């Protein structure tokens, strides 16, 4: 389950940045996960709860995780039809050509975090 290592890295990066900005704790992390990002949101949540319970980084028992799910969208470069692909490479449902360009759905990033200097 690579989500454990991904969440560990996210917590480390957010905690380091929060410390640089004078925060003593992280209250919330907003994470964008695309449908085609090869990451399981449920496994990320489990990893987050594990690390939160351990008090890793600047997390505490009240730190929240919000996962924003990004819908996959593609646009055919031949007929410009926009569609929802099942995979990274997909046939255009309108013209049948496999010339789709992914517009969204691969994102995996920290959108924002909230913290404070209160203990």
N, C-alpha and C. Protein backbone atom coordinates (compact mmCIF):
# COMPACT_ATOMS: atom_id res chain seq x y z
N UNK A 1 0.86 -1.18 0.00
CA UNK A 1 0.00 0.00 0.00
C UNK A 1 0.90 1.23 0.00
N UNK A 2 1.10 1.83 -1.17
CA UNK A 2 1.98 2.99 -1.27
C UNK A 2 1.34 4.26 -0.70
N UNK A 3 0.07 4.21 -0.37
CA UNK A 3 -0.60 5.37 0.22
C UNK A 3 0.00 5.73 1.58
N UNK A 4 0.52 4.74 2.31
CA UNK A 4 1.17 5.02 3.60
C UNK A 4 2.38 5.93 3.39
N UNK A 5 3.22 5.59 2.42
CA UNK A 5 4.40 6.41 2.17
C UNK A 5 4.03 7.77 1.58
N UNK A 6 2.99 7.79 0.74
CA UNK A 6 2.54 9.07 0.19
C UNK A 6 2.04 9.99 1.30
N UNK A 7 1.22 9.45 2.20
CA UNK A 7 0.69 10.27 3.29
C UNK A 7 1.80 10.71 4.24
N UNK A 8 2.77 9.84 4.47
CA UNK A 8 3.91 10.20 5.31
C UNK A 8 4.65 11.40 4.73
N UNK A 9 4.87 11.38 3.41
CA UNK A 9 5.54 12.50 2.73
C UNK A 9 4.70 13.78 2.79
N UNK A 10 3.39 13.64 2.59
CA UNK A 10 2.51 14.81 2.66
C UNK A 10 2.59 15.46 4.03
N UNK A 11 2.51 14.64 5.07
CA UNK A 11 2.55 15.16 6.44
C UNK A 11 3.90 15.83 6.72
N UNK A 12 4.97 15.22 6.24
CA UNK A 12 6.30 15.79 6.43
C UNK A 12 6.43 17.14 5.73
N UNK A 13 5.99 17.22 4.49
CA UNK A 13 6.08 18.47 3.72
C UNK A 13 5.21 19.56 4.35
N UNK A 14 3.97 19.22 4.69
CA UNK A 14 3.06 20.21 5.30
C UNK A 14 3.60 20.66 6.65
N UNK A 15 4.07 19.73 7.47
CA UNK A 15 4.59 20.08 8.79
C UNK A 15 5.82 20.98 8.68
N UNK A 16 6.71 20.68 7.75
CA UNK A 16 7.90 21.51 7.54
C UNK A 16 7.52 22.93 7.11
N UNK A 17 6.59 23.02 6.17
CA UNK A 17 6.15 24.34 5.70
C UNK A 17 5.43 25.10 6.81
N UNK A 18 4.59 24.41 7.55
CA UNK A 18 3.85 25.05 8.65
C UNK A 18 4.83 25.58 9.70
N UNK A 19 5.86 24.81 10.02
CA UNK A 19 6.88 25.26 10.98
C UNK A 19 7.59 26.51 10.49
N UNK A 20 7.90 26.54 9.20
CA UNK A 20 8.56 27.72 8.62
C UNK A 20 7.69 28.97 8.73
N UNK A 21 6.37 28.78 8.76
CA UNK A 21 5.45 29.91 8.87
C UNK A 21 5.03 30.18 10.32
N UNK A 22 5.68 29.54 11.27
CA UNK A 22 5.44 29.81 12.67
C UNK A 22 4.28 29.05 13.31
N UNK A 23 3.76 28.05 12.62
CA UNK A 23 2.67 27.26 13.19
C UNK A 23 3.23 26.18 14.11
N UNK A 24 2.50 25.88 15.17
CA UNK A 24 2.90 24.80 16.07
C UNK A 24 2.03 23.56 15.87
N UNK A 25 0.95 23.70 15.10
CA UNK A 25 0.11 22.55 14.79
C UNK A 25 -0.60 22.77 13.46
N UNK A 26 -0.96 21.66 12.84
CA UNK A 26 -1.73 21.68 11.59
C UNK A 26 -3.15 21.25 11.94
N UNK A 27 -4.12 22.11 11.57
CA UNK A 27 -5.52 21.84 11.90
C UNK A 27 -6.26 21.09 10.80
N UNK A 28 -5.84 21.32 9.54
CA UNK A 28 -6.56 20.71 8.42
C UNK A 28 -5.65 20.64 7.21
N UNK A 29 -5.80 19.55 6.45
CA UNK A 29 -5.09 19.41 5.18
C UNK A 29 -6.13 19.13 4.10
N UNK A 30 -6.09 19.91 3.02
CA UNK A 30 -6.95 19.70 1.86
C UNK A 30 -6.10 19.08 0.76
N UNK A 31 -6.53 17.93 0.28
CA UNK A 31 -5.77 17.16 -0.69
C UNK A 31 -6.63 16.89 -1.92
N UNK A 32 -6.10 17.17 -3.11
CA UNK A 32 -6.81 16.86 -4.35
C UNK A 32 -6.31 15.52 -4.87
N UNK A 33 -7.25 14.61 -5.15
CA UNK A 33 -6.92 13.29 -5.68
C UNK A 33 -7.77 13.05 -6.93
N UNK A 34 -7.11 12.93 -8.06
CA UNK A 34 -7.80 12.67 -9.32
C UNK A 34 -8.18 11.22 -9.46
N UNK A 35 -9.25 10.98 -10.22
CA UNK A 35 -9.74 9.61 -10.45
C UNK A 35 -8.69 8.72 -11.12
N UNK A 36 -7.79 9.32 -11.89
CA UNK A 36 -6.77 8.56 -12.61
C UNK A 36 -5.38 8.76 -12.01
N UNK A 37 -5.30 9.14 -10.75
CA UNK A 37 -4.02 9.42 -10.10
C UNK A 37 -3.34 8.18 -9.54
N UNK A 38 -3.96 7.02 -9.68
CA UNK A 38 -3.41 5.76 -9.14
C UNK A 38 -3.21 5.82 -7.63
N UNK A 39 -4.13 6.48 -6.95
CA UNK A 39 -4.10 6.59 -5.50
C UNK A 39 -5.50 6.28 -4.99
N UNK A 40 -5.58 5.48 -3.94
CA UNK A 40 -6.88 5.13 -3.36
C UNK A 40 -7.19 6.09 -2.21
N UNK A 41 -8.19 6.97 -2.38
CA UNK A 41 -8.52 7.93 -1.32
C UNK A 41 -8.81 7.29 0.03
N UNK A 42 -9.49 6.15 0.03
CA UNK A 42 -9.81 5.47 1.29
C UNK A 42 -8.54 5.02 2.01
N UNK A 43 -7.56 4.54 1.25
CA UNK A 43 -6.29 4.12 1.85
C UNK A 43 -5.52 5.32 2.37
N UNK A 44 -5.61 6.45 1.68
CA UNK A 44 -4.98 7.68 2.17
C UNK A 44 -5.59 8.10 3.51
N UNK A 45 -6.91 8.00 3.61
CA UNK A 45 -7.58 8.34 4.86
C UNK A 45 -7.14 7.43 6.00
N UNK A 46 -7.04 6.14 5.73
CA UNK A 46 -6.58 5.21 6.76
C UNK A 46 -5.16 5.54 7.21
N UNK A 47 -4.30 5.84 6.25
CA UNK A 47 -2.92 6.22 6.58
C UNK A 47 -2.90 7.51 7.40
N UNK A 48 -3.72 8.47 7.01
CA UNK A 48 -3.80 9.74 7.74
C UNK A 48 -4.23 9.50 9.19
N UNK A 49 -5.28 8.69 9.38
CA UNK A 49 -5.76 8.42 10.74
C UNK A 49 -4.68 7.73 11.57
N UNK A 50 -3.93 6.84 10.95
CA UNK A 50 -2.83 6.17 11.65
C UNK A 50 -1.78 7.18 12.10
N UNK A 51 -1.33 8.03 11.18
CA UNK A 51 -0.30 9.02 11.52
C UNK A 51 -0.82 10.07 12.50
N UNK A 52 -2.08 10.43 12.36
CA UNK A 52 -2.67 11.40 13.29
C UNK A 52 -2.68 10.82 14.71
N UNK A 53 -3.03 9.56 14.82
CA UNK A 53 -3.06 8.90 16.12
C UNK A 53 -1.65 8.84 16.73
N UNK A 54 -0.64 8.71 15.88
CA UNK A 54 0.74 8.67 16.34
C UNK A 54 1.29 10.06 16.67
N UNK A 55 0.57 11.11 16.26
CA UNK A 55 1.03 12.48 16.50
C UNK A 55 2.24 12.84 15.65
N UNK A 56 2.29 12.30 14.45
CA UNK A 56 3.42 12.54 13.54
C UNK A 56 3.39 13.98 13.04
N UNK A 57 4.58 14.59 12.92
CA UNK A 57 4.68 15.96 12.44
C UNK A 57 3.93 16.91 13.36
N UNK A 58 3.21 17.82 12.78
CA UNK A 58 2.43 18.79 13.55
C UNK A 58 0.96 18.40 13.66
N UNK A 59 0.67 17.12 13.41
CA UNK A 59 -0.70 16.64 13.54
C UNK A 59 -1.06 16.45 15.01
N UNK A 60 -2.33 16.58 15.30
CA UNK A 60 -2.85 16.25 16.63
C UNK A 60 -4.18 15.53 16.45
N UNK A 61 -4.79 15.14 17.54
CA UNK A 61 -6.02 14.34 17.46
C UNK A 61 -7.19 15.06 16.79
N UNK A 62 -7.10 16.39 16.63
CA UNK A 62 -8.18 17.15 16.00
C UNK A 62 -7.90 17.52 14.54
N UNK A 63 -6.73 17.18 14.04
CA UNK A 63 -6.40 17.52 12.66
C UNK A 63 -7.34 16.79 11.71
N UNK A 64 -7.84 17.52 10.72
CA UNK A 64 -8.78 16.96 9.75
C UNK A 64 -8.12 16.83 8.38
N UNK A 65 -8.59 15.86 7.62
CA UNK A 65 -8.15 15.67 6.24
C UNK A 65 -9.38 15.79 5.36
N UNK A 66 -9.31 16.64 4.35
CA UNK A 66 -10.39 16.72 3.37
C UNK A 66 -9.81 16.31 2.02
N UNK A 67 -10.39 15.27 1.45
CA UNK A 67 -9.97 14.80 0.14
C UNK A 67 -10.97 15.30 -0.89
N UNK A 68 -10.46 16.09 -1.81
CA UNK A 68 -11.27 16.65 -2.90
C UNK A 68 -11.03 15.76 -4.10
N UNK A 69 -12.07 15.09 -4.54
CA UNK A 69 -11.93 14.16 -5.66
C UNK A 69 -12.10 14.89 -6.98
N UNK A 70 -11.10 14.74 -7.84
CA UNK A 70 -11.11 15.39 -9.15
C UNK A 70 -11.61 14.41 -10.20
N UNK A 71 -12.64 14.81 -10.91
CA UNK A 71 -13.25 13.99 -11.95
C UNK A 71 -12.32 13.95 -13.17
N UNK A 72 -12.24 12.80 -13.80
CA UNK A 72 -11.44 12.65 -15.01
C UNK A 72 -12.22 13.18 -16.21
N UNK A 73 -11.54 14.01 -17.00
CA UNK A 73 -12.12 14.54 -18.24
C UNK A 73 -11.05 14.51 -19.31
N UNK A 74 -11.48 14.24 -20.53
CA UNK A 74 -10.58 14.24 -21.68
C UNK A 74 -11.25 14.98 -22.82
N UNK A 75 -10.42 15.48 -23.72
CA UNK A 75 -10.93 16.17 -24.91
C UNK A 75 -10.26 15.56 -26.12
N UNK A 76 -11.08 15.14 -27.08
CA UNK A 76 -10.57 14.56 -28.31
C UNK A 76 -9.85 15.64 -29.11
N UNK A 77 -8.64 15.36 -29.54
CA UNK A 77 -7.88 16.34 -30.31
C UNK A 77 -8.25 16.34 -31.79
N UNK A 78 -9.14 15.41 -32.15
CA UNK A 78 -9.60 15.34 -33.53
C UNK A 78 -10.91 16.10 -33.71
N UNK A 79 -11.92 15.78 -32.88
CA UNK A 79 -13.24 16.41 -33.04
C UNK A 79 -13.58 17.37 -31.89
N UNK A 80 -12.69 17.48 -30.89
CA UNK A 80 -12.81 18.39 -29.74
C UNK A 80 -13.97 18.05 -28.80
N UNK A 81 -14.47 16.83 -28.90
CA UNK A 81 -15.53 16.36 -28.01
C UNK A 81 -14.94 16.10 -26.62
N UNK A 82 -15.60 16.62 -25.58
CA UNK A 82 -15.14 16.39 -24.22
C UNK A 82 -15.91 15.21 -23.63
N UNK A 83 -15.17 14.30 -22.98
CA UNK A 83 -15.80 13.09 -22.45
C UNK A 83 -15.10 12.64 -21.17
N UNK A 84 -15.72 11.68 -20.50
CA UNK A 84 -15.16 11.11 -19.28
C UNK A 84 -14.47 9.79 -19.63
N UNK A 85 -13.14 9.74 -19.54
CA UNK A 85 -12.42 8.51 -19.88
C UNK A 85 -12.42 7.53 -18.73
N UNK A 86 -12.34 6.24 -19.06
CA UNK A 86 -12.21 5.21 -18.04
C UNK A 86 -10.74 5.00 -17.67
N UNK A 87 -9.87 5.25 -18.63
CA UNK A 87 -8.44 5.05 -18.46
C UNK A 87 -7.72 6.26 -19.03
N UNK A 88 -6.40 6.29 -18.84
CA UNK A 88 -5.60 7.40 -19.38
C UNK A 88 -5.64 7.44 -20.90
N UNK A 89 -5.72 6.28 -21.52
CA UNK A 89 -5.83 6.20 -22.98
C UNK A 89 -7.24 5.69 -23.27
N UNK A 90 -8.01 6.50 -23.97
CA UNK A 90 -9.40 6.12 -24.23
C UNK A 90 -9.82 6.55 -25.62
N UNK A 91 -10.73 5.77 -26.19
CA UNK A 91 -11.30 6.12 -27.48
C UNK A 91 -12.35 7.21 -27.30
N UNK A 92 -12.37 8.14 -28.20
CA UNK A 92 -13.40 9.18 -28.18
C UNK A 92 -14.74 8.51 -28.50
N UNK A 93 -15.74 8.71 -27.65
CA UNK A 93 -17.04 8.08 -27.90
C UNK A 93 -17.76 8.67 -29.11
N UNK A 94 -17.31 9.83 -29.58
CA UNK A 94 -17.98 10.47 -30.72
C UNK A 94 -17.38 10.04 -32.06
N UNK A 95 -16.03 10.10 -32.18
CA UNK A 95 -15.41 9.79 -33.47
C UNK A 95 -14.64 8.47 -33.47
N UNK A 96 -14.44 7.86 -32.29
CA UNK A 96 -13.80 6.56 -32.20
C UNK A 96 -12.28 6.56 -32.31
N UNK A 97 -11.68 7.73 -32.34
CA UNK A 97 -10.22 7.82 -32.44
C UNK A 97 -9.61 7.91 -31.05
N UNK A 98 -8.49 7.24 -30.84
CA UNK A 98 -7.83 7.30 -29.54
C UNK A 98 -6.82 8.44 -29.54
N UNK A 99 -7.36 9.63 -29.52
CA UNK A 99 -6.54 10.84 -29.58
C UNK A 99 -6.96 11.80 -28.48
N UNK A 100 -7.40 11.25 -27.34
CA UNK A 100 -7.88 12.10 -26.26
C UNK A 100 -6.76 12.68 -25.42
N UNK A 101 -6.92 13.91 -25.05
CA UNK A 101 -5.97 14.61 -24.19
C UNK A 101 -6.63 14.77 -22.82
N UNK A 102 -5.98 14.24 -21.78
CA UNK A 102 -6.55 14.38 -20.44
C UNK A 102 -6.54 15.85 -20.02
N UNK A 103 -7.70 16.31 -19.60
CA UNK A 103 -7.86 17.69 -19.14
C UNK A 103 -7.79 17.73 -17.61
N UNK A 104 -8.32 16.70 -16.97
CA UNK A 104 -8.28 16.61 -15.51
C UNK A 104 -8.39 15.15 -15.09
N UNK A 105 -8.06 14.91 -13.83
CA UNK A 105 -8.20 13.57 -13.29
C UNK A 105 -6.91 12.92 -12.84
N UNK A 106 -5.76 13.53 -13.14
CA UNK A 106 -4.47 12.96 -12.75
C UNK A 106 -3.85 13.67 -11.55
N UNK A 107 -4.49 14.70 -11.06
CA UNK A 107 -3.92 15.52 -10.00
C UNK A 107 -3.78 14.75 -8.70
N UNK A 108 -2.66 14.96 -8.04
CA UNK A 108 -2.44 14.48 -6.68
C UNK A 108 -1.57 15.53 -6.01
N UNK A 109 -2.22 16.40 -5.23
CA UNK A 109 -1.47 17.50 -4.61
C UNK A 109 -2.17 18.03 -3.37
N UNK A 110 -1.38 18.67 -2.53
CA UNK A 110 -1.93 19.38 -1.38
C UNK A 110 -2.47 20.70 -1.93
N UNK A 111 -3.76 20.91 -1.77
CA UNK A 111 -4.40 22.14 -2.22
C UNK A 111 -4.14 23.26 -1.22
N UNK A 112 -4.27 22.94 0.08
CA UNK A 112 -4.07 23.94 1.12
C UNK A 112 -3.96 23.23 2.46
N UNK A 113 -3.51 23.97 3.44
CA UNK A 113 -3.56 23.47 4.81
C UNK A 113 -3.82 24.65 5.74
N UNK A 114 -4.36 24.34 6.90
CA UNK A 114 -4.62 25.36 7.91
C UNK A 114 -3.85 24.95 9.16
N UNK A 115 -3.30 25.95 9.82
CA UNK A 115 -2.57 25.68 11.05
C UNK A 115 -2.69 26.85 11.99
N UNK A 116 -2.13 26.68 13.17
CA UNK A 116 -2.14 27.78 14.15
C UNK A 116 -0.92 27.66 15.05
N UNK A 117 -0.68 28.72 15.79
CA UNK A 117 0.44 28.71 16.72
C UNK A 117 -0.02 28.47 18.15
N UNK A 118 -1.29 28.11 18.30
CA UNK A 118 -1.82 27.80 19.61
C UNK A 118 -1.53 26.35 19.97
N UNK A 119 -1.13 26.12 21.19
CA UNK A 119 -0.87 24.74 21.63
C UNK A 119 -2.11 24.19 22.21
